PDB file of N, CA and C in Angstrom:
ATOM      1  N   MET A   1       5.819  34.900  -1.172  1.00  0.00           N
ATOM      2  CA  MET A   1       5.724  35.276   0.453  1.00  0.00           C
ATOM      3  C   MET A   1       4.750  34.254   0.892  1.00  0.00           C
ATOM      4  N   PRO A   2       4.833  33.533   1.986  1.00  0.00           N
ATOM      5  CA  PRO A   2       5.623  33.888   3.199  1.00  0.00           C
ATOM      6  C   PRO A   2       7.090  33.325   3.234  1.00  0.00           C
ATOM      7  N   HIS A   3       7.804  34.165   3.994  1.00  0.00           N
ATOM      8  CA  HIS A   3       9.117  33.823   4.463  1.00  0.00           C
ATOM      9  C   HIS A   3       9.198  33.807   5.977  1.00  0.00           C
ATOM     10  N   LEU A   4       9.592  32.670   6.617  1.00  0.00           N
ATOM     11  CA  LEU A   4       9.734  32.610   8.055  1.00  0.00           C
ATOM     12  C   LEU A   4      11.420  32.487   8.162  1.00  0.00           C
ATOM     13  N   THR A   5      12.210  33.320   9.228  1.00  0.00           N
ATOM     14  CA  THR A   5      13.336  33.159   9.075  1.00  0.00           C
ATOM     15  C   THR A   5      13.509  32.754  10.728  1.00  0.00           C
ATOM     16  N   VAL A   6      14.244  32.088  11.440  1.00  0.00           N
ATOM     17  CA  VAL A   6      14.676  31.620  12.592  1.00  0.00           C
ATOM     18  C   VAL A   6      15.946  31.880  12.619  1.00  0.00           C
ATOM     19  N   GLU A   7      16.572  32.785  13.407  1.00  0.00           N
ATOM     20  CA  GLU A   7      17.736  33.383  13.907  1.00  0.00           C
ATOM     21  C   GLU A   7      18.015  32.723  15.189  1.00  0.00           C
ATOM     22  N   TYR A   8      18.982  32.015  15.600  1.00  0.00           N
ATOM     23  CA  TYR A   8      19.000  31.217  16.710  1.00  0.00           C
ATOM     24  C   TYR A   8      20.675  31.309  17.290  1.00  0.00           C
ATOM     25  N   SER A   9      20.842  31.185  18.521  1.00  0.00           N
ATOM     26  CA  SER A   9      22.073  31.250  19.039  1.00  0.00           C
ATOM     27  C   SER A   9      22.729  29.748  18.750  1.00  0.00           C
ATOM     28  N   ALA A  10      23.970  29.620  18.262  1.00  0.00           N
ATOM     29  CA  ALA A  10      24.503  28.538  17.555  1.00  0.00           C
ATOM     30  C   ALA A  10      24.599  27.423  18.619  1.00  0.00           C
ATOM     31  N   ASN A  11      24.685  27.757  19.880  1.00  0.00           N
ATOM     32  CA  ASN A  11      24.557  26.761  21.195  1.00  0.00           C
ATOM     33  C   ASN A  11      23.299  25.822  20.952  1.00  0.00           C
ATOM     34  N   LEU A  12      22.426  26.160  20.282  1.00  0.00           N
ATOM     35  CA  LEU A  12      21.170  25.414  20.335  1.00  0.00           C
ATOM     36  C   LEU A  12      21.474  24.135  19.295  1.00  0.00           C
ATOM     37  N   ASP A  13      22.431  24.126  18.457  1.00  0.00           N
ATOM     38  CA  ASP A  13      22.729  23.061  17.752  1.00  0.00           C
ATOM     39  C   ASP A  13      22.947  21.904  18.571  1.00  0.00           C
ATOM     40  N   ALA A  14      23.367  22.008  19.650  1.00  0.00           N
ATOM     41  CA  ALA A  14      23.852  20.633  20.456  1.00  0.00           C
ATOM     42  C   ALA A  14      22.508  20.452  21.375  1.00  0.00           C
ATOM     43  N   HIS A  15      21.399  21.077  21.139  1.00  0.00           N
ATOM     44  CA  HIS A  15      20.127  20.757  22.005  1.00  0.00           C
ATOM     45  C   HIS A  15      18.963  20.489  21.084  1.00  0.00           C
ATOM     46  N   SER A  16      18.998  20.867  20.030  1.00  0.00           N
ATOM     47  CA  SER A  16      18.054  20.788  19.106  1.00  0.00           C
ATOM     48  C   SER A  16      17.982  20.453  17.712  1.00  0.00           C
ATOM     49  N   ASP A  17      17.009  19.958  17.125  1.00  0.00           N
ATOM     50  CA  ASP A  17      17.030  19.528  15.853  1.00  0.00           C
ATOM     51  C   ASP A  17      16.557  20.774  15.072  1.00  0.00           C
ATOM     52  N   MET A  18      17.178  21.591  14.375  1.00  0.00           N
ATOM     53  CA  MET A  18      16.648  22.781  13.676  1.00  0.00           C
ATOM     54  C   MET A  18      15.818  22.537  12.559  1.00  0.00           C
ATOM     55  N   ALA A  19      16.276  21.262  11.814  1.00  0.00           N
ATOM     56  CA  ALA A  19      15.836  20.849  10.208  1.00  0.00           C
ATOM     57  C   ALA A  19      14.433  20.455  10.850  1.00  0.00           C
ATOM     58  N   ALA A  20      14.253  19.730  11.974  1.00  0.00           N
ATOM     59  CA  ALA A  20      12.758  19.452  12.521  1.00  0.00           C
ATOM     60  C   ALA A  20      12.056  20.530  12.765  1.00  0.00           C
ATOM     61  N   LEU A  21      12.581  21.475  13.380  1.00  0.00           N
ATOM     62  CA  LEU A  21      11.946  22.680  13.776  1.00  0.00           C
ATOM     63  C   LEU A  21      11.179  23.556  12.290  1.00  0.00           C
ATOM     64  N   CYS A  22      12.240  23.483  11.410  1.00  0.00           N
ATOM     65  CA  CYS A  22      11.949  24.113   9.973  1.00  0.00           C
ATOM     66  C   CYS A  22      10.623  23.391   9.346  1.00  0.00           C
ATOM     67  N   ARG A  23      10.607  21.883   9.507  1.00  0.00           N
ATOM     68  CA  ARG A  23       9.318  20.967   8.970  1.00  0.00           C
ATOM     69  C   ARG A  23       8.370  21.303   9.900  1.00  0.00           C
ATOM     70  N   SER A  24       8.335  21.537  11.215  1.00  0.00           N
ATOM     71  CA  SER A  24       7.227  21.721  12.017  1.00  0.00           C
ATOM     72  C   SER A  24       6.656  23.174  11.869  1.00  0.00           C
ATOM     73  N   LEU A  25       7.517  24.011  11.676  1.00  0.00           N
ATOM     74  CA  LEU A  25       6.853  25.274  11.371  1.00  0.00           C
ATOM     75  C   LEU A  25       6.215  25.573  10.011  1.00  0.00           C
ATOM     76  N   HIS A  26       6.890  24.841   9.014  1.00  0.00           N
ATOM     77  CA  HIS A  26       6.360  24.703   7.575  1.00  0.00           C
ATOM     78  C   HIS A  26       5.018  24.043   7.643  1.00  0.00           C
ATOM     79  N   ALA A  27       4.885  23.047   8.323  1.00  0.00           N
ATOM     80  CA  ALA A  27       3.504  22.398   8.521  1.00  0.00           C
ATOM     81  C   ALA A  27       2.469  23.301   9.230  1.00  0.00           C
ATOM     82  N   ALA A  28       2.836  24.130  10.216  1.00  0.00           N
ATOM     83  CA  ALA A  28       1.957  25.090  10.885  1.00  0.00           C
ATOM     84  C   ALA A  28       1.476  26.097   9.866  1.00  0.00           C
ATOM     85  N   MET A  29       2.374  26.536   9.049  1.00  0.00           N
ATOM     86  CA  MET A  29       1.851  27.584   7.981  1.00  0.00           C
ATOM     87  C   MET A  29       1.022  27.035   6.972  1.00  0.00           C
ATOM     88  N   MET A  30       1.278  25.696   6.516  1.00  0.00           N
ATOM     89  CA  MET A  30       0.498  25.284   5.528  1.00  0.00           C
ATOM     90  C   MET A  30      -0.998  24.781   6.143  1.00  0.00           C
ATOM     91  N   ALA A  31      -0.966  24.556   7.382  1.00  0.00           N
ATOM     92  CA  ALA A  31      -2.247  24.153   8.073  1.00  0.00           C
ATOM     93  C   ALA A  31      -3.063  25.421   8.327  1.00  0.00           C
ATOM     94  N   SER A  32      -2.348  26.615   8.267  1.00  0.00           N
ATOM     95  CA  SER A  32      -3.096  27.880   8.585  1.00  0.00           C
ATOM     96  C   SER A  32      -4.182  28.183   7.249  1.00  0.00           C
ATOM     97  N   GLY A  33      -3.953  27.521   6.102  1.00  0.00           N
ATOM     98  CA  GLY A  33      -4.707  27.853   5.104  1.00  0.00           C
ATOM     99  C   GLY A  33      -4.542  29.201   4.288  1.00  0.00           C
ATOM    100  N   LEU A  34      -3.721  30.137   4.873  1.00  0.00           N
ATOM    101  CA  LEU A  34      -3.240  31.156   4.399  1.00  0.00           C
ATOM    102  C   LEU A  34      -2.496  31.411   3.227  1.00  0.00           C
ATOM    103  N   PHE A  35      -1.643  30.194   3.148  1.00  0.00           N
ATOM    104  CA  PHE A  35      -0.578  30.538   2.136  1.00  0.00           C
ATOM    105  C   PHE A  35      -0.474  29.403   0.965  1.00  0.00           C
ATOM    106  N   GLU A  36       0.033  29.769  -0.169  1.00  0.00           N
ATOM    107  CA  GLU A  36       0.049  28.897  -1.247  1.00  0.00           C
ATOM    108  C   GLU A  36       1.506  27.987  -1.100  1.00  0.00           C
ATOM    109  N   LEU A  37       1.496  26.806  -1.302  1.00  0.00           N
ATOM    110  CA  LEU A  37       2.501  25.743  -1.040  1.00  0.00           C
ATOM    111  C   LEU A  37       3.851  26.159  -1.652  1.00  0.00           C
ATOM    112  N   GLY A  38       3.863  26.786  -2.810  1.00  0.00           N
ATOM    113  CA  GLY A  38       4.971  27.195  -3.702  1.00  0.00           C
ATOM    114  C   GLY A  38       5.609  28.461  -3.171  1.00  0.00           C
ATOM    115  N   ALA A  39       4.977  29.003  -2.261  1.00  0.00           N
ATOM    116  CA  ALA A  39       5.469  30.418  -1.599  1.00  0.00           C
ATOM    117  C   ALA A  39       6.150  30.459  -0.391  1.00  0.00           C
ATOM    118  N   VAL A  40       5.880  29.157   0.408  1.00  0.00           N
ATOM    119  CA  VAL A  40       6.267  29.046   1.663  1.00  0.00           C
ATOM    120  C   VAL A  40       7.665  28.555   1.771  1.00  0.00           C
ATOM    121  N   ARG A  41       8.550  29.519   2.509  1.00  0.00           N
ATOM    122  CA  ARG A  41       9.983  29.353   2.736  1.00  0.00           C
ATOM    123  C   ARG A  41      10.166  29.388   4.288  1.00  0.00           C
ATOM    124  N   VAL A  42      10.837  28.388   4.899  1.00  0.00           N
ATOM    125  CA  VAL A  42      11.363  28.469   6.405  1.00  0.00           C
ATOM    126  C   VAL A  42      12.649  28.102   6.340  1.00  0.00           C
ATOM    127  N   ARG A  43      13.575  28.972   7.060  1.00  0.00           N
ATOM    128  CA  ARG A  43      14.795  28.879   7.087  1.00  0.00           C
ATOM    129  C   ARG A  43      15.389  28.883   8.599  1.00  0.00           C
ATOM    130  N   ALA A  44      16.556  28.623   8.995  1.00  0.00           N
ATOM    131  CA  ALA A  44      17.040  28.542  10.070  1.00  0.00           C
ATOM    132  C   ALA A  44      18.503  28.978   9.984  1.00  0.00           C
ATOM    133  N   ARG A  45      18.872  30.006  10.856  1.00  0.00           N
ATOM    134  CA  ARG A  45      20.350  30.512  10.537  1.00  0.00           C
ATOM    135  C   ARG A  45      21.112  30.626  11.990  1.00  0.00           C
ATOM    136  N   PRO A  46      21.854  30.025  12.237  1.00  0.00           N
ATOM    137  CA  PRO A  46      22.552  29.953  13.643  1.00  0.00           C
ATOM    138  C   PRO A  46      23.515  31.270  13.671  1.00  0.00           C
ATOM    139  N   CYS A  47      23.455  31.812  14.657  1.00  0.00           N
ATOM    140  CA  CYS A  47      24.240  32.918  15.093  1.00  0.00           C
ATOM    141  C   CYS A  47      25.493  32.643  15.924  1.00  0.00           C
ATOM    142  N   PRO A  48      26.662  32.507  15.335  1.00  0.00           N
ATOM    143  CA  PRO A  48      27.810  32.027  16.146  1.00  0.00           C
ATOM    144  C   PRO A  48      28.253  32.942  17.123  1.00  0.00           C
ATOM    145  N   HIS A  49      28.098  34.342  16.840  1.00  0.00           N
ATOM    146  CA  HIS A  49      28.660  35.323  17.932  1.00  0.00           C
ATOM    147  C   HIS A  49      27.378  35.963  18.548  1.00  0.00           C
ATOM    148  N   PHE A  50      27.140  35.917  19.754  1.00  0.00           N
ATOM    149  CA  PHE A  50      25.979  36.579  20.300  1.00  0.00           C
ATOM    150  C   PHE A  50      26.083  36.862  21.963  1.00  0.00           C
ATOM    151  N   ALA A  51      25.306  37.572  22.541  1.00  0.00           N
ATOM    152  CA  ALA A  51      25.515  37.730  23.776  1.00  0.00           C
ATOM    153  C   ALA A  51      23.942  38.057  24.503  1.00  0.00           C
ATOM    154  N   VAL A  52      23.689  37.114  25.132  1.00  0.00           N
ATOM    155  CA  VAL A  52      22.217  37.202  25.870  1.00  0.00           C
ATOM    156  C   VAL A  52      22.352  37.314  27.522  1.00  0.00           C
ATOM    157  N   ALA A  53      21.375  38.288  27.832  1.00  0.00           N
ATOM    158  CA  ALA A  53      20.975  38.640  28.954  1.00  0.00           C
ATOM    159  C   ALA A  53      22.573  38.846  29.906  1.00  0.00           C
ATOM    160  N   ASP A  54      22.393  37.903  30.789  1.00  0.00           N
ATOM    161  CA  ASP A  54      23.804  38.084  31.814  1.00  0.00           C
ATOM    162  C   ASP A  54      24.890  37.255  31.178  1.00  0.00           C
ATOM    163  N   GLN A  55      24.926  36.842  29.914  1.00  0.00           N
ATOM    164  CA  GLN A  55      25.889  36.204  29.158  1.00  0.00           C
ATOM    165  C   GLN A  55      26.592  35.030  29.790  1.00  0.00           C
ATOM    166  N   MET A  56      25.759  34.369  30.518  1.00  0.00           N
ATOM    167  CA  MET A  56      26.171  32.871  30.976  1.00  0.00           C
ATOM    168  C   MET A  56      26.074  31.954  29.674  1.00  0.00           C
ATOM    169  N   PRO A  57      27.105  31.172  29.611  1.00  0.00           N
ATOM    170  CA  PRO A  57      27.462  30.237  28.266  1.00  0.00           C
ATOM    171  C   PRO A  57      26.248  29.561  27.968  1.00  0.00           C
ATOM    172  N   GLU A  58      25.338  29.171  28.791  1.00  0.00           N
ATOM    173  CA  GLU A  58      24.138  28.357  28.173  1.00  0.00           C
ATOM    174  C   GLU A  58      22.907  29.054  27.809  1.00  0.00           C
ATOM    175  N   ASN A  59      23.210  30.342  28.110  1.00  0.00           N
ATOM    176  CA  ASN A  59      21.879  31.165  27.736  1.00  0.00           C
ATOM    177  C   ASN A  59      21.884  31.101  26.022  1.00  0.00           C
ATOM    178  N   ALA A  60      20.513  31.003  25.533  1.00  0.00           N
ATOM    179  CA  ALA A  60      20.255  30.711  24.232  1.00  0.00           C
ATOM    180  C   ALA A  60      19.237  31.432  23.508  1.00  0.00           C
ATOM    181  N   PHE A  61      18.945  31.616  22.357  1.00  0.00           N
ATOM    182  CA  PHE A  61      17.640  32.189  22.033  1.00  0.00           C
ATOM    183  C   PHE A  61      17.420  31.757  20.391  1.00  0.00           C
ATOM    184  N   ALA A  62      15.936  31.831  20.346  1.00  0.00           N
ATOM    185  CA  ALA A  62      15.429  31.496  18.849  1.00  0.00           C
ATOM    186  C   ALA A  62      14.565  32.788  18.620  1.00  0.00           C
ATOM    187  N   ASP A  63      14.730  33.400  17.562  1.00  0.00           N
ATOM    188  CA  ASP A  63      14.024  34.831  17.144  1.00  0.00           C
ATOM    189  C   ASP A  63      13.494  34.421  15.943  1.00  0.00           C
ATOM    190  N   MET A  64      12.092  34.317  15.707  1.00  0.00           N
ATOM    191  CA  MET A  64      11.638  33.968  14.523  1.00  0.00           C
ATOM    192  C   MET A  64      10.842  35.204  13.997  1.00  0.00           C
ATOM    193  N   ILE A  65      11.013  35.600  12.547  1.00  0.00           N
ATOM    194  CA  ILE A  65      10.574  36.527  11.824  1.00  0.00           C
ATOM    195  C   ILE A  65       9.598  36.131  10.702  1.00  0.00           C
ATOM    196  N   LEU A  66       8.370  36.219  10.664  1.00  0.00           N
ATOM    197  CA  LEU A  66       7.480  35.975   9.461  1.00  0.00           C
ATOM    198  C   LEU A  66       7.318  37.234   8.627  1.00  0.00           C
ATOM    199  N   ARG A  67       7.661  37.093   7.432  1.00  0.00           N
ATOM    200  CA  ARG A  67       7.272  38.297   6.407  1.00  0.00           C
ATOM    201  C   ARG A  67       6.283  37.814   5.563  1.00  0.00           C
ATOM    202  N   ILE A  68       5.104  38.563   5.586  1.00  0.00           N
ATOM    203  CA  ILE A  68       4.141  38.079   4.795  1.00  0.00           C
ATOM    204  C   ILE A  68       3.784  39.075   3.863  1.00  0.00           C
ATOM    205  N   GLY A  69       3.007  38.898   2.689  1.00  0.00           N
ATOM    206  CA  GLY A  69       2.500  40.055   1.765  1.00  0.00           C
ATOM    207  C   GLY A  69       1.323  40.478   2.427  1.00  0.00           C
ATOM    208  N   ALA A  70       1.025  41.719   2.052  1.00  0.00           N
ATOM    209  CA  ALA A  70      -0.160  42.504   2.303  1.00  0.00           C
ATOM    210  C   ALA A  70      -1.474  41.719   1.888  1.00  0.00           C
ATOM    211  N   GLY A  71      -2.443  42.135   2.622  1.00  0.00           N
ATOM    212  CA  GLY A  71      -3.671  41.519   2.486  1.00  0.00           C
ATOM    213  C   GLY A  71      -4.427  40.818   3.354  1.00  0.00           C
ATOM    214  N   ARG A  72      -3.650  40.321   4.402  1.00  0.00           N
ATOM    215  CA  ARG A  72      -4.433  39.516   5.338  1.00  0.00           C
ATOM    216  C   ARG A  72      -4.910  40.525   6.517  1.00  0.00           C
ATOM    217  N   GLY A  73      -6.112  39.855   6.993  1.00  0.00           N
ATOM    218  CA  GLY A  73      -6.652  40.609   8.331  1.00  0.00           C
ATOM    219  C   GLY A  73      -5.801  40.360   9.573  1.00  0.00           C
ATOM    220  N   GLU A  74      -5.978  41.319  10.523  1.00  0.00           N
ATOM    221  CA  GLU A  74      -5.293  41.152  11.775  1.00  0.00           C
ATOM    222  C   GLU A  74      -5.719  39.821  12.394  1.00  0.00           C
ATOM    223  N   ALA A  75      -6.957  39.273  12.505  1.00  0.00           N
ATOM    224  CA  ALA A  75      -7.142  37.921  13.125  1.00  0.00           C
ATOM    225  C   ALA A  75      -6.424  36.835  12.509  1.00  0.00           C
ATOM    226  N   GLU A  76      -6.343  36.822  11.198  1.00  0.00           N
ATOM    227  CA  GLU A  76      -5.557  35.882  10.283  1.00  0.00           C
ATOM    228  C   GLU A  76      -4.081  36.073  10.759  1.00  0.00           C
ATOM    229  N   LYS A  77      -3.714  37.062  10.876  1.00  0.00           N
ATOM    230  CA  LYS A  77      -2.017  37.394  11.158  1.00  0.00           C
ATOM    231  C   LYS A  77      -1.854  36.838  12.660  1.00  0.00           C
ATOM    232  N   LYS A  78      -2.446  37.144  13.498  1.00  0.00           N
ATOM    233  CA  LYS A  78      -2.536  36.579  14.848  1.00  0.00           C
ATOM    234  C   LYS A  78      -2.688  35.125  14.944  1.00  0.00           C
ATOM    235  N   ALA A  79      -3.564  34.710  14.037  1.00  0.00           N
ATOM    236  CA  ALA A  79      -3.807  33.170  14.112  1.00  0.00           C
ATOM    237  C   ALA A  79      -2.652  32.356  13.831  1.00  0.00           C
ATOM    238  N   VAL A  80      -2.133  32.733  12.545  1.00  0.00           N
ATOM    239  CA  VAL A  80      -0.866  32.129  12.202  1.00  0.00           C
ATOM    240  C   VAL A  80       0.482  32.531  12.974  1.00  0.00           C
ATOM    241  N   GLY A  81       0.503  33.661  13.566  1.00  0.00           N
ATOM    242  CA  GLY A  81       1.573  33.748  14.500  1.00  0.00           C
ATOM    243  C   GLY A  81       1.217  33.055  15.913  1.00  0.00           C
ATOM    244  N   GLN A  82       0.012  32.781  16.494  1.00  0.00           N
ATOM    245  CA  GLN A  82      -0.053  32.092  17.437  1.00  0.00           C
ATOM    246  C   GLN A  82       0.102  30.473  17.036  1.00  0.00           C
ATOM    247  N   ALA A  83      -0.143  29.872  15.963  1.00  0.00           N
ATOM    248  CA  ALA A  83       0.224  28.702  15.315  1.00  0.00           C
ATOM    249  C   ALA A  83       1.864  28.583  15.181  1.00  0.00           C
ATOM    250  N   LEU A  84       2.288  29.461  14.879  1.00  0.00           N
ATOM    251  CA  LEU A  84       3.991  29.218  14.890  1.00  0.00           C
ATOM    252  C   LEU A  84       4.459  29.417  16.110  1.00  0.00           C
ATOM    253  N   MET A  85       4.123  30.178  16.857  1.00  0.00           N
ATOM    254  CA  MET A  85       4.704  30.060  18.495  1.00  0.00           C
ATOM    255  C   MET A  85       4.235  28.797  19.034  1.00  0.00           C
ATOM    256  N   SER A  86       3.186  28.108  19.064  1.00  0.00           N
ATOM    257  CA  SER A  86       2.633  27.039  19.576  1.00  0.00           C
ATOM    258  C   SER A  86       3.773  26.024  19.043  1.00  0.00           C
ATOM    259  N   ALA A  87       3.898  26.039  17.576  1.00  0.00           N
ATOM    260  CA  ALA A  87       4.783  24.611  17.102  1.00  0.00           C
ATOM    261  C   ALA A  87       6.082  24.791  17.959  1.00  0.00           C
ATOM    262  N   ALA A  88       6.627  26.085  17.855  1.00  0.00           N
ATOM    263  CA  ALA A  88       7.933  26.407  18.147  1.00  0.00           C
ATOM    264  C   ALA A  88       8.064  26.067  19.758  1.00  0.00           C
ATOM    265  N   GLU A  89       7.057  26.236  20.411  1.00  0.00           N
ATOM    266  CA  GLU A  89       7.086  25.908  22.087  1.00  0.00           C
ATOM    267  C   GLU A  89       6.994  24.607  22.180  1.00  0.00           C
ATOM    268  N   VAL A  90       6.153  23.705  21.292  1.00  0.00           N
ATOM    269  CA  VAL A  90       6.260  22.385  21.411  1.00  0.00           C
ATOM    270  C   VAL A  90       7.738  21.756  21.207  1.00  0.00           C
ATOM    271  N   HIS A  91       8.334  22.233  20.060  1.00  0.00           N
ATOM    272  CA  HIS A  91       9.744  22.016  19.806  1.00  0.00           C
ATOM    273  C   HIS A  91      10.545  22.219  20.633  1.00  0.00           C
ATOM    274  N   PHE A  92      10.612  23.244  21.593  1.00  0.00           N
ATOM    275  CA  PHE A  92      11.489  23.582  22.453  1.00  0.00           C
ATOM    276  C   PHE A  92      11.302  23.296  23.965  1.00  0.00           C
ATOM    277  N   VAL A  93      10.447  22.406  24.204  1.00  0.00           N
ATOM    278  CA  VAL A  93       9.790  22.171  25.478  1.00  0.00           C
ATOM    279  C   VAL A  93      10.867  22.112  26.613  1.00  0.00           C
ATOM    280  N   PRO A  94      11.904  21.138  26.214  1.00  0.00           N
ATOM    281  CA  PRO A  94      13.074  21.008  27.057  1.00  0.00           C
ATOM    282  C   PRO A  94      13.887  22.284  27.180  1.00  0.00           C
ATOM    283  N   LEU A  95      14.081  22.984  26.396  1.00  0.00           N
ATOM    284  CA  LEU A  95      14.890  24.509  26.748  1.00  0.00           C
ATOM    285  C   LEU A  95      13.846  25.357  27.596  1.00  0.00           C
ATOM    286  N   LEU A  96      12.660  25.278  27.199  1.00  0.00           N
ATOM    287  CA  LEU A  96      11.624  26.342  27.878  1.00  0.00           C
ATOM    288  C   LEU A  96      11.556  25.789  29.390  1.00  0.00           C
ATOM    289  N   ALA A  97      11.877  24.638  29.664  1.00  0.00           N
ATOM    290  CA  ALA A  97      11.684  24.216  31.127  1.00  0.00           C
ATOM    291  C   ALA A  97      12.892  24.795  32.090  1.00  0.00           C
ATOM    292  N   ARG A  98      14.150  25.226  31.098  1.00  0.00           N
ATOM    293  CA  ARG A  98      15.254  25.947  31.954  1.00  0.00           C
ATOM    294  C   ARG A  98      15.442  27.279  31.949  1.00  0.00           C
ATOM    295  N   PRO A  99      15.883  27.972  32.748  1.00  0.00           N
ATOM    296  CA  PRO A  99      15.939  29.394  32.855  1.00  0.00           C
ATOM    297  C   PRO A  99      17.238  30.164  31.905  1.00  0.00           C
ATOM    298  N   HIS A 100      17.126  29.539  30.687  1.00  0.00           N
ATOM    299  CA  HIS A 100      18.183  30.013  30.049  1.00  0.00           C
ATOM    300  C   HIS A 100      17.953  30.238  28.449  1.00  0.00           C
ATOM    301  N   PHE A 101      16.785  30.159  28.111  1.00  0.00           N
ATOM    302  CA  PHE A 101      16.290  30.156  26.850  1.00  0.00           C
ATOM    303  C   PHE A 101      15.114  31.255  26.452  1.00  0.00           C
ATOM    304  N   ALA A 102      15.402  31.816  25.313  1.00  0.00           N
ATOM    305  CA  ALA A 102      14.351  32.931  25.105  1.00  0.00           C
ATOM    306  C   ALA A 102      13.846  32.646  23.884  1.00  0.00           C
ATOM    307  N   LEU A 103      12.585  32.591  23.319  1.00  0.00           N
ATOM    308  CA  LEU A 103      11.786  32.295  22.021  1.00  0.00           C
ATOM    309  C   LEU A 103      10.807  33.693  21.850  1.00  0.00           C
ATOM    310  N   THR A 104      11.149  33.876  20.617  1.00  0.00           N
ATOM    311  CA  THR A 104      10.295  35.322  20.098  1.00  0.00           C
ATOM    312  C   THR A 104       9.908  35.108  18.581  1.00  0.00           C
ATOM    313  N   LEU A 105       8.652  35.793  18.395  1.00  0.00           N
ATOM    314  CA  LEU A 105       8.119  35.865  17.094  1.00  0.00           C
ATOM    315  C   LEU A 105       7.625  37.087  16.819  1.00  0.00           C
ATOM    316  N   GLU A 106       7.893  37.771  15.487  1.00  0.00           N
ATOM    317  CA  GLU A 106       7.185  38.897  14.954  1.00  0.00           C
ATOM    318  C   GLU A 106       6.819  38.631  13.614  1.00  0.00           C
ATOM    319  N   VAL A 107       5.689  38.991  13.378  1.00  0.00           N
ATOM    320  CA  VAL A 107       4.872  38.980  12.191  1.00  0.00           C
ATOM    321  C   VAL A 107       5.073  40.293  11.352  1.00  0.00           C
ATOM    322  N   GLN A 108       5.552  40.411  10.360  1.00  0.00           N
ATOM    323  CA  GLN A 108       5.857  41.563   9.609  1.00  0.00           C
ATOM    324  C   GLN A 108       5.045  41.500   8.162  1.00  0.00           C
ATOM    325  N   GLU A 109       4.503  42.786   7.791  1.00  0.00           N
ATOM    326  CA  GLU A 109       3.617  42.705   6.514  1.00  0.00           C
ATOM    327  C   GLU A 109       4.436  43.530   5.543  1.00  0.00           C
ATOM    328  N   ILE A 110       4.681  43.002   4.419  1.00  0.00           N
ATOM    329  CA  ILE A 110       5.654  43.721   3.314  1.00  0.00           C
ATOM    330  C   ILE A 110       4.747  44.564   2.604  1.00  0.00           C
ATOM    331  N   SER A 111       5.259  45.550   2.429  1.00  0.00           N
ATOM    332  CA  SER A 111       4.691  46.589   1.228  1.00  0.00           C
ATOM    333  C   SER A 111       4.959  46.113   0.019  1.00  0.00           C
ATOM    334  N   PRO A 112       3.814  46.056  -0.894  1.00  0.00           N
ATOM    335  CA  PRO A 112       3.792  45.315  -2.274  1.00  0.00           C
ATOM    336  C   PRO A 112       4.704  46.431  -3.093  1.00  0.00           C
ATOM    337  N   ALA A 113       4.761  47.820  -2.887  1.00  0.00           N
ATOM    338  CA  ALA A 113       5.435  48.783  -3.670  1.00  0.00           C
ATOM    339  C   ALA A 113       6.841  48.386  -3.457  1.00  0.00           C
ATOM    340  N   PHE A 114       7.279  47.504  -2.663  1.00  0.00           N
ATOM    341  CA  PHE A 114       8.853  47.410  -2.288  1.00  0.00           C
ATOM    342  C   PHE A 114       9.290  46.047  -2.316  1.00  0.00           C
ATOM    343  N   SER A 115       8.529  45.160  -3.024  1.00  0.00           N
ATOM    344  CA  SER A 115       8.652  43.700  -3.146  1.00  0.00           C
ATOM    345  C   SER A 115       8.753  43.315  -4.335  1.00  0.00           C
ATOM    346  N   TRP A 116       9.665  42.480  -4.842  1.00  0.00           N
ATOM    347  CA  TRP A 116       9.747  42.001  -6.171  1.00  0.00           C
ATOM    348  C   TRP A 116       9.967  40.686  -6.079  1.00  0.00           C
ATOM    349  N   LYS A 117       9.383  39.772  -7.062  1.00  0.00           N
ATOM    350  CA  LYS A 117       9.457  38.421  -6.719  1.00  0.00           C
ATOM    351  C   LYS A 117       9.510  37.530  -8.236  1.00  0.00           C
ATOM    352  N   THR A 118      10.177  36.571  -8.450  1.00  0.00           N
ATOM    353  CA  THR A 118      10.199  35.743  -9.593  1.00  0.00           C
ATOM    354  C   THR A 118      10.216  34.292  -9.033  1.00  0.00           C
ATOM    355  N   ASN A 119       9.131  33.464  -9.272  1.00  0.00           N
ATOM    356  CA  ASN A 119       9.150  32.113  -8.666  1.00  0.00           C
ATOM    357  C   ASN A 119       8.632  31.139  -9.672  1.00  0.00           C
ATOM    358  N   ALA A 120       9.625  30.179 -10.066  1.00  0.00           N
ATOM    359  CA  ALA A 120       9.357  29.174 -11.045  1.00  0.00           C
ATOM    360  C   ALA A 120       8.668  27.921 -10.253  1.00  0.00           C
ATOM    361  N   ILE A 121       8.715  27.744  -9.109  1.00  0.00           N
ATOM    362  CA  ILE A 121       8.092  26.746  -8.345  1.00  0.00           C
ATOM    363  C   ILE A 121       6.643  26.916  -8.415  1.00  0.00           C
ATOM    364  N   HIS A 122       5.962  27.987  -8.471  1.00  0.00           N
ATOM    365  CA  HIS A 122       4.395  28.178  -8.450  1.00  0.00           C
ATOM    366  C   HIS A 122       4.009  27.341  -9.723  1.00  0.00           C
ATOM    367  N   PRO A 123       4.227  27.616 -10.887  1.00  0.00           N
ATOM    368  CA  PRO A 123       3.615  26.915 -11.846  1.00  0.00           C
ATOM    369  C   PRO A 123       3.800  25.366 -12.060  1.00  0.00           C
ATOM    370  N   ARG A 124       4.694  24.968 -11.525  1.00  0.00           N
ATOM    371  CA  ARG A 124       4.949  23.283 -11.243  1.00  0.00           C
ATOM    372  C   ARG A 124       4.084  22.823 -10.135  1.00  0.00           C
ATOM    373  N   LEU A 125       3.645  23.459  -9.122  1.00  0.00           N
ATOM    374  CA  LEU A 125       3.151  23.279  -8.135  1.00  0.00           C
ATOM    375  C   LEU A 125       1.293  23.257  -8.299  1.00  0.00           C
ATOM    376  N   ARG A 126       1.234  24.273  -9.105  1.00  0.00           N
ATOM    377  CA  ARG A 126      -0.082  24.658  -9.462  1.00  0.00           C
ATOM    378  C   ARG A 126      -0.751  23.646 -10.300  1.00  0.00           C
ATOM    379  N   THR A 127       0.230  23.012 -11.197  1.00  0.00           N
ATOM    380  CA  THR A 127      -0.506  21.929 -12.222  1.00  0.00           C
ATOM    381  C   THR A 127      -0.689  20.584 -11.486  1.00  0.00           C
ATOM    382  N   LYS A 128      -0.389  20.331 -10.185  1.00  0.00           N
ATOM    383  CA  LYS A 128      -0.604  19.158  -9.597  1.00  0.00           C
ATOM    384  C   LYS A 128      -1.823  18.796  -9.129  1.00  0.00           C
TER     385      LYS A 128
END
């Protein structure tokens, strides 16, 4: 962990480089100093079917959910949340200038009692 998922209205594909957004969000997560490189995952999933607000065809959204393991303080969670939101706002500057775009972020803490992991990437990166 952490895993950052960006669900977005598919109409954003014509206006935004989502791969670039993923790279920018990954960089923000690493810059926070809270996460080990081998644990970070950022993914973007288009939603081809959606209804936003007054259902104008140009309405669009990007909803980010950061799931992190337990153990970080409130200040740390707020700081990484603000860093991610700021990175996304920079990426989406042109869309935020128009009255048809909504950007959201939620940070969720995962209970260790209900989380299982197997990660073969960690050993490779830890030896570098």
